[in-house]
Amino acid sequence: MPIGIHKDRASEIAASITRYEENNGVLKGLISPVWRDTLIQQIISSLRRISYVHTIRDRDVSASRLDPHDPSFDPLRGASLLNRRGELDEAVWLTFIATHFGKHKDDGWKLAANVMGSFGSGQIWTARAYKQAPDQFLAMLTSQRNALSDMRQSGRYSNHRQYQSKAPESIARSFASFYQWEFSAGTFQQLVRRIHEARGQNPIEGFDALYKSLDEVSGLGRLGKFDFLTMLGKLQIAPIEAGSTYLVGSTGPLAGAKLLFFGERDFAISAQTLQVKLDHLDEYLEVGKQVIEDSICNWQKRPDRYEYFRG
């Protein structure tokens, strides 16, 4: 059984799964006690990852975390610091950079630091700096084309982002389209206010509206949108919360949901129908949609043995 933070929730989660099955039928992917225990451990791992972000949010942060030229650079901690300073637009921008590149299990934030910091010897591409010279950002990337193609020099995307292109033009498109999205209403705060006026101040409605609007951002994709917005929520940069697992367009979570409910990764059922079933399961578990999405994705990789997955 799991050890560490949230270990005391294992029995609670197990009881919630049993209660769900009593009311809705057996979860065929959990007939094996080993598979059931593995899922519970993956849920607890996901809860721990969220607690870690909350710890980042609540602790004091050194200004060095903002500097991509500094070895201690950490865009999530930096975004938390910017948010506390009231620099909301820059906090959102840095959260995007963290999400777009991710933290690689071996390279850490190296790729994000290299791009944001012009490979250690140039402009630091804050949102303010990018606004002044987007063409120079592309020129910098183009000048570093060889370095970007060499993972030893540039660093790597996280596992969640591993299929993203490191071509200068592709990275530049992502940054340009995100900048256009973030400042489409003037500021990020004004963008959120516009959504509140249209859909009310419900955190779940706000998340959904932002999720759909992010379709215009190049290269972010379904998982990038989900990870970016859930991170904004966890860091309290935006008053939003995922009200769904957003299975449509997913791969690992969709396979995990099929395996969980039907015992087959390739079971014939629409993602939309399965999403409703998975969201309903969380009404029993009450761990949050991000935890559900993350844990079933990791569980389906090795349901017979718990394995900790990281970037």
Protein backbone atom coordinates (compact mmCIF):
# COMPACT_ATOMS: atom_id res chain seq x y z
CA MET A 1 0.00 0.00 0.00
CA PRO A 2 1.13 3.60 -0.52
CA ILE A 3 3.30 5.47 1.94
CA GLY A 4 3.72 9.18 2.57
CA ILE A 5 1.25 12.03 2.21
CA HIS A 6 -2.38 10.97 1.53
CA LYS A 7 -1.62 7.33 2.49
CA ASP A 8 -4.50 7.56 4.98
CA ARG A 9 -6.91 8.01 2.09
CA ALA A 10 -6.35 4.54 0.62
CA SER A 11 -9.15 2.91 2.63
CA GLU A 12 -11.48 5.83 1.91
CA ILE A 13 -10.83 5.59 -1.84
CA ALA A 14 -11.31 1.81 -1.79
CA ALA A 15 -14.63 2.21 0.02
CA SER A 16 -15.76 4.86 -2.48
CA ILE A 17 -14.98 2.54 -5.40
CA THR A 18 -16.97 -0.24 -3.75
CA ARG A 19 -19.89 2.11 -3.15
CA TYR A 20 -19.82 3.15 -6.81
CA GLU A 21 -19.89 -0.49 -7.92
CA GLU A 22 -22.78 -1.30 -5.60
CA ASN A 23 -24.85 1.43 -7.25
CA ASN A 24 -23.60 1.27 -10.84
CA GLY A 25 -22.19 -2.18 -11.50
CA VAL A 26 -18.78 -3.81 -11.36
CA LEU A 27 -15.77 -2.00 -12.79
CA LYS A 28 -14.39 -4.81 -14.94
CA GLY A 29 -10.87 -3.41 -14.88
CA LEU A 30 -10.80 -3.73 -11.10
CA ILE A 31 -11.86 -7.37 -10.75
CA SER A 32 -8.24 -8.19 -9.96
CA PRO A 33 -7.35 -7.04 -6.41
CA VAL A 34 -3.87 -6.16 -7.67
CA TRP A 35 -5.24 -3.93 -10.42
CA ARG A 36 -7.60 -2.32 -7.91
CA ASP A 37 -4.77 -1.60 -5.50
CA THR A 38 -2.61 -0.19 -8.29
CA LEU A 39 -5.33 2.27 -9.27
CA ILE A 40 -5.72 3.39 -5.66
CA GLN A 41 -1.97 3.98 -5.44
CA GLN A 42 -2.02 5.97 -8.71
CA ILE A 43 -4.87 8.12 -7.36
CA ILE A 44 -2.83 8.85 -4.26
CA SER A 45 0.22 9.72 -6.41
CA SER A 46 -1.92 12.19 -8.34
CA LEU A 47 -3.18 13.74 -5.11
CA ARG A 48 0.42 14.13 -3.98
CA ARG A 49 1.38 15.93 -7.18
CA ILE A 50 -1.38 18.44 -6.59
CA SER A 51 -0.32 18.87 -2.97
CA TYR A 52 3.21 19.57 -4.22
CA VAL A 53 1.94 22.43 -6.38
CA HIS A 54 -0.01 23.80 -3.42
CA THR A 55 3.23 23.72 -1.43
CA ILE A 56 4.96 25.72 -4.16
CA ARG A 57 2.09 28.19 -4.13
CA ASP A 58 2.14 28.70 -0.37
CA ARG A 59 5.90 28.96 0.28
CA ASP A 60 8.21 31.93 -0.11
CA VAL A 61 9.92 31.97 -3.51
CA SER A 62 13.30 33.41 -4.42
CA ALA A 63 13.43 35.84 -7.34
CA SER A 64 16.14 33.62 -8.87
CA ARG A 65 13.34 31.22 -9.84
CA LEU A 66 12.27 33.77 -12.46
CA ASP A 67 15.64 33.93 -14.17
CA PRO A 68 16.19 31.37 -16.96
CA HIS A 69 19.90 32.21 -16.84
CA ASP A 70 20.04 30.97 -13.23
CA PRO A 71 20.42 27.22 -12.47
CA SER A 72 17.55 27.47 -9.98
CA PHE A 73 15.06 28.61 -12.64
CA ASP A 74 11.63 27.14 -12.04
CA PRO A 75 8.74 28.58 -14.09
CA LEU A 76 6.03 27.25 -11.78
CA ARG A 77 7.59 28.74 -8.68
CA GLY A 78 8.29 31.86 -10.69
CA ALA A 79 4.66 32.09 -11.80
CA SER A 80 3.57 31.78 -8.17
CA LEU A 81 5.88 34.65 -7.20
CA LEU A 82 4.64 36.84 -10.05
CA ASN A 83 1.05 36.18 -9.04
CA ARG A 84 1.80 37.28 -5.47
CA ARG A 85 3.39 40.44 -6.84
CA GLY A 86 0.23 41.18 -8.77
CA GLU A 87 1.91 40.63 -12.15
CA LEU A 88 -0.92 38.44 -13.42
CA ASP A 89 -0.16 38.62 -17.13
CA GLU A 90 3.46 37.58 -16.60
CA ALA A 91 2.35 34.77 -14.24
CA VAL A 92 0.03 33.38 -16.94
CA TRP A 93 2.78 33.69 -19.57
CA LEU A 94 5.29 31.80 -17.40
CA THR A 95 2.72 29.09 -16.65
CA PHE A 96 2.30 28.66 -20.40
CA ILE A 97 6.06 28.29 -20.84
CA ALA A 98 6.13 25.69 -18.07
CA THR A 99 3.27 23.80 -19.70
CA HIS A 100 4.47 24.06 -23.27
CA PHE A 101 7.91 22.59 -22.56
CA GLY A 102 7.21 20.67 -19.37
CA LYS A 103 9.77 19.45 -16.86
CA HIS A 104 11.77 16.51 -18.19
CA LYS A 105 12.61 13.75 -15.70
CA ASP A 106 16.36 14.13 -16.38
CA ASP A 107 16.77 17.57 -17.97
CA GLY A 108 14.40 19.41 -15.66
CA TRP A 109 13.45 22.85 -17.01
CA LYS A 110 16.46 23.06 -19.33
CA LEU A 111 14.53 23.42 -22.59
CA ALA A 112 12.18 26.05 -21.15
CA ALA A 113 15.16 27.96 -19.71
CA ASN A 114 17.06 27.85 -22.99
CA VAL A 115 14.18 29.18 -25.06
CA MET A 116 13.00 31.77 -22.57
CA GLY A 117 16.57 32.85 -21.85
CA SER A 118 17.91 32.89 -25.43
CA PHE A 119 20.19 29.96 -24.66
CA GLY A 120 21.88 31.73 -21.79
CA SER A 121 23.24 34.80 -23.49
CA GLY A 122 20.47 37.12 -24.59
CA GLN A 123 17.02 38.53 -24.08
CA ILE A 124 14.78 37.00 -21.45
CA TRP A 125 11.45 36.51 -23.18
CA THR A 126 8.89 37.73 -20.70
CA ALA A 127 5.48 38.63 -22.09
CA ARG A 128 6.51 42.27 -22.01
CA ALA A 129 9.69 41.59 -23.97
CA TYR A 130 7.89 39.36 -26.46
CA LYS A 131 5.34 42.09 -27.16
CA GLN A 132 8.14 44.46 -28.16
CA ALA A 133 9.94 42.12 -30.53
CA PRO A 134 8.19 38.91 -31.63
CA ASP A 135 10.25 38.83 -34.83
CA GLN A 136 13.45 38.89 -32.78
CA PHE A 137 12.16 35.91 -30.81
CA LEU A 138 11.89 33.92 -34.03
CA ALA A 139 15.30 35.18 -35.14
CA MET A 140 16.82 33.97 -31.86
CA LEU A 141 15.25 30.54 -32.29
CA THR A 142 16.42 30.35 -35.89
CA SER A 143 19.97 31.18 -34.83
CA GLN A 144 19.79 28.28 -32.38
CA ARG A 145 18.37 25.75 -34.84
CA ASN A 146 21.36 23.40 -34.47
CA ALA A 147 21.27 23.61 -30.69
CA LEU A 148 17.52 22.90 -30.68
CA SER A 149 18.06 19.79 -32.78
CA ASP A 150 20.61 18.48 -30.27
CA MET A 151 18.86 17.36 -27.09
CA ARG A 152 22.13 17.45 -25.17
CA GLN A 153 22.42 21.17 -25.81
CA SER A 154 18.81 22.23 -25.71
CA GLY A 155 17.16 19.84 -23.26
CA ARG A 156 14.01 17.84 -23.88
CA TYR A 157 10.26 18.24 -23.60
CA SER A 158 8.59 16.42 -20.74
CA ASN A 159 6.99 13.05 -21.42
CA HIS A 160 3.56 14.67 -21.82
CA ARG A 161 4.99 16.97 -24.51
CA GLN A 162 7.47 14.63 -26.17
CA TYR A 163 5.88 14.77 -29.63
CA GLN A 164 6.14 18.56 -29.91
CA SER A 165 8.42 19.92 -32.59
CA LYS A 166 11.57 21.81 -31.63
CA ALA A 167 11.74 23.51 -35.00
CA PRO A 168 12.09 27.29 -34.52
CA GLU A 169 9.03 28.00 -36.66
CA SER A 170 6.87 25.62 -34.65
CA ILE A 171 7.90 27.06 -31.27
CA ALA A 172 7.41 30.58 -32.61
CA ARG A 173 3.88 29.74 -33.81
CA SER A 174 3.00 28.40 -30.38
CA PHE A 175 4.27 31.53 -28.63
CA ALA A 176 2.64 33.90 -31.12
CA SER A 177 -0.75 32.20 -30.95
CA PHE A 178 -0.64 31.99 -27.15
CA TYR A 179 0.27 35.66 -26.87
CA GLN A 180 -2.66 36.52 -29.12
CA TRP A 181 -4.97 34.38 -26.96
CA GLU A 182 -3.77 35.73 -23.60
CA PHE A 183 -4.07 39.37 -24.62
CA SER A 184 -7.10 39.05 -26.89
CA ALA A 185 -9.19 41.10 -24.46
CA GLY A 186 -6.38 43.45 -23.44
CA THR A 187 -5.18 41.62 -20.33
CA PHE A 188 -5.76 38.17 -18.93
CA GLN A 189 -7.92 39.62 -16.19
CA GLN A 190 -10.10 41.27 -18.83
CA LEU A 191 -10.32 37.94 -20.68
CA VAL A 192 -11.61 36.26 -17.52
CA ARG A 193 -14.01 39.14 -16.91
CA ARG A 194 -15.39 38.73 -20.43
CA ILE A 195 -16.05 35.05 -19.73
CA HIS A 196 -17.71 35.88 -16.41
CA GLU A 197 -20.03 38.28 -18.18
CA ALA A 198 -20.96 35.62 -20.72
CA ARG A 199 -21.17 32.53 -18.52
CA GLY A 200 -21.22 33.68 -14.91
CA GLN A 201 -18.57 33.42 -12.21
CA ASN A 202 -18.78 29.65 -11.72
CA PRO A 203 -15.21 28.21 -11.65
CA ILE A 204 -16.24 25.17 -13.69
CA GLU A 205 -17.94 27.27 -16.36
CA GLY A 206 -14.90 29.53 -16.48
CA PHE A 207 -12.59 26.56 -16.99
CA ASP A 208 -14.75 25.19 -19.78
CA ALA A 209 -14.92 28.50 -21.63
CA LEU A 210 -11.15 28.98 -21.42
CA TYR A 211 -10.53 25.36 -22.44
CA LYS A 212 -12.57 25.78 -25.61
CA SER A 213 -11.03 29.15 -26.43
CA LEU A 214 -7.52 27.65 -26.26
CA ASP A 215 -8.18 25.73 -29.49
CA GLU A 216 -6.63 28.68 -31.29
CA VAL A 217 -3.24 28.15 -29.61
CA SER A 218 -0.90 26.20 -31.87
CA GLY A 219 0.66 23.04 -30.50
CA LEU A 220 -1.03 23.05 -27.11
CA GLY A 221 -3.46 20.22 -27.81
CA ARG A 222 -6.02 18.62 -25.56
CA LEU A 223 -3.60 17.64 -22.77
CA GLY A 224 -1.71 20.92 -22.94
CA LYS A 225 -4.94 22.89 -22.55
CA PHE A 226 -6.02 20.73 -19.63
CA ASP A 227 -2.64 20.87 -17.87
CA PHE A 228 -2.25 24.62 -18.41
CA LEU A 229 -5.66 25.52 -17.01
CA THR A 230 -5.51 23.13 -14.07
CA MET A 231 -2.13 24.64 -13.18
CA LEU A 232 -3.59 28.16 -13.29
CA GLY A 233 -6.24 26.94 -10.89
CA LYS A 234 -3.85 25.16 -8.52
CA LEU A 235 -1.58 28.20 -8.33
CA GLN A 236 -4.65 30.41 -7.77
CA ILE A 237 -3.74 32.51 -10.79
CA ALA A 238 -7.26 32.08 -12.16
CA PRO A 239 -10.53 31.26 -10.36
CA ILE A 240 -11.19 28.09 -12.35
CA GLU A 241 -11.69 24.38 -11.74
CA ALA A 242 -12.03 21.41 -14.09
CA GLY A 243 -15.58 20.08 -13.99
CA SER A 244 -14.83 17.25 -16.40
CA THR A 245 -12.03 14.91 -17.38
CA TYR A 246 -12.25 16.15 -21.01
CA LEU A 247 -11.66 12.70 -22.50
CA VAL A 248 -12.51 13.73 -26.06
CA GLY A 249 -9.24 13.87 -27.96
CA SER A 250 -7.25 12.02 -25.29
CA THR A 251 -5.27 8.80 -25.73
CA GLY A 252 -3.94 7.42 -22.43
CA PRO A 253 -6.88 8.61 -20.28
CA LEU A 254 -9.37 7.29 -22.84
CA ALA A 255 -7.67 3.89 -22.95
CA GLY A 256 -7.57 3.91 -19.16
CA ALA A 257 -11.27 4.68 -18.88
CA LYS A 258 -12.15 1.87 -21.31
CA LEU A 259 -9.98 -0.54 -19.37
CA LEU A 260 -11.48 0.59 -16.06
CA PHE A 261 -15.14 0.26 -17.04
CA PHE A 262 -15.01 -2.58 -19.56
CA GLY A 263 -11.72 -4.41 -19.05
CA GLU A 264 -10.59 -3.62 -22.60
CA ARG A 265 -8.46 -0.70 -23.81
CA ASP A 266 -10.11 -0.90 -27.25
CA PHE A 267 -13.72 -1.26 -26.15
CA ALA A 268 -16.10 0.35 -28.67
CA ILE A 269 -17.63 3.37 -26.95
CA SER A 270 -17.51 7.09 -27.69
CA ALA A 271 -15.22 9.32 -25.67
CA GLN A 272 -18.14 11.62 -24.88
CA THR A 273 -20.22 8.77 -23.41
CA LEU A 274 -17.25 7.49 -21.44
CA GLN A 275 -16.48 10.99 -20.18
CA VAL A 276 -19.91 11.16 -18.56
CA LYS A 277 -19.31 7.81 -16.85
CA LEU A 278 -15.88 8.86 -15.61
CA ASP A 279 -17.11 12.21 -14.33
CA HIS A 280 -19.87 10.35 -12.48
CA LEU A 281 -17.27 8.12 -10.81
CA ASP A 282 -15.69 11.21 -9.27
CA GLU A 283 -19.00 11.99 -7.58
CA TYR A 284 -18.14 8.99 -5.41
CA LEU A 285 -14.37 9.43 -5.18
CA GLU A 286 -14.40 13.22 -4.75
CA VAL A 287 -10.74 13.56 -5.68
CA GLY A 288 -11.19 16.01 -8.56
CA LYS A 289 -11.24 15.61 -12.31
CA GLN A 290 -7.52 16.19 -12.78
CA VAL A 291 -6.70 13.39 -10.35
CA ILE A 292 -9.10 11.04 -12.15
CA GLU A 293 -7.67 11.92 -15.57
CA ASP A 294 -4.06 11.62 -14.46
CA SER A 295 -4.40 8.47 -12.38
CA ILE A 296 -6.27 6.33 -14.93
CA CYS A 297 -3.78 7.38 -17.61
CA ASN A 298 -0.87 6.18 -15.48
CA TRP A 299 -2.74 3.13 -14.18
CA GLN A 300 -3.45 1.73 -17.64
CA LYS A 301 0.27 1.71 -18.47
CA ARG A 302 0.98 -0.92 -15.77
CA PRO A 303 -2.23 -1.98 -14.02
CA ASP A 304 -0.56 -5.05 -12.55
CA ARG A 305 2.15 -3.14 -10.70
CA TYR A 306 2.37 0.35 -9.22
CA GLU A 307 4.96 2.52 -10.95
CA TYR A 308 5.58 6.18 -10.26
CA PHE A 309 5.48 8.22 -13.45
CA ARG A 310 7.08 11.63 -13.84
CA GLY A 311 8.08 13.97 -16.68
